Protein backbone atom coordinates (compact mmCIF):
# COMPACT_ATOMS: atom_id res chain seq x y z
CA UNK A 1 -12.99 42.96 22.69
CA UNK A 2 -13.57 46.26 20.93
CA UNK A 3 -17.08 46.78 19.62
CA UNK A 4 -17.99 49.90 17.67
CA UNK A 5 -21.21 51.81 18.17
CA UNK A 6 -22.04 51.03 14.54
CA UNK A 7 -22.14 47.31 15.31
CA UNK A 8 -24.22 47.87 18.45
CA UNK A 9 -26.79 49.90 16.53
CA UNK A 10 -26.94 47.25 13.76
CA UNK A 11 -27.69 44.52 16.32
CA UNK A 12 -30.25 46.70 18.13
CA UNK A 13 -32.06 47.40 14.85
CA UNK A 14 -31.96 43.69 13.99
CA UNK A 15 -33.68 42.96 17.33
CA UNK A 16 -36.27 45.69 16.81
CA UNK A 17 -34.90 47.97 19.53
CA UNK A 18 -34.73 51.73 19.18
CA UNK A 19 -31.32 52.85 17.97
CA UNK A 20 -30.36 56.50 17.77
CA UNK A 21 -30.49 58.51 14.57
CA UNK A 22 -27.45 58.34 12.34
CA UNK A 23 -25.97 61.84 12.00
CA UNK A 24 -22.89 60.79 10.02
CA UNK A 25 -24.44 59.75 6.75
CA UNK A 26 -22.22 59.29 3.74
CA UNK A 27 -22.57 61.66 0.85
CA UNK A 28 -22.06 58.83 -1.61
CA UNK A 29 -25.11 57.12 -3.07
CA UNK A 30 -23.58 53.64 -3.04
CA UNK A 31 -22.01 53.80 0.44
CA UNK A 32 -21.76 50.46 2.22
CA UNK A 33 -21.50 50.07 5.98
CA UNK A 34 -19.37 47.18 7.28
CA UNK A 35 -21.45 44.36 8.74
CA UNK A 36 -21.05 43.13 12.30
CA UNK A 37 -19.02 39.87 12.59
CA UNK A 38 -20.95 36.92 14.10
CA UNK A 39 -18.72 36.66 17.21
CA UNK A 40 -19.23 40.35 18.03
CA UNK A 41 -22.97 40.06 17.35
CA UNK A 42 -23.18 37.22 19.88
CA UNK A 43 -21.27 39.29 22.45
CA UNK A 44 -23.59 42.27 21.91
CA UNK A 45 -26.65 40.03 22.25
CA UNK A 46 -25.29 38.66 25.54
CA UNK A 47 -24.72 42.20 26.80
CA UNK A 48 -28.24 43.28 25.81
CA UNK A 49 -29.68 40.27 27.66
CA UNK A 50 -27.49 41.01 30.71
CA UNK A 51 -28.79 44.60 30.92
CA UNK A 52 -32.41 43.47 30.44
CA UNK A 53 -32.92 45.10 27.06
CA UNK A 54 -34.02 41.84 25.41
């Protein structure tokens, strides 16, 4: 399963964990970031629990 760093940072922020600063901000005012799919969010949560971050 491929998981982008964008999805990992979204899940970390959702859990209240420190996520790095975003250096690649869009220049558009109405830019929308794609949301993490539920199956990938569950996989990321499992990984965070496995590594003791949650």
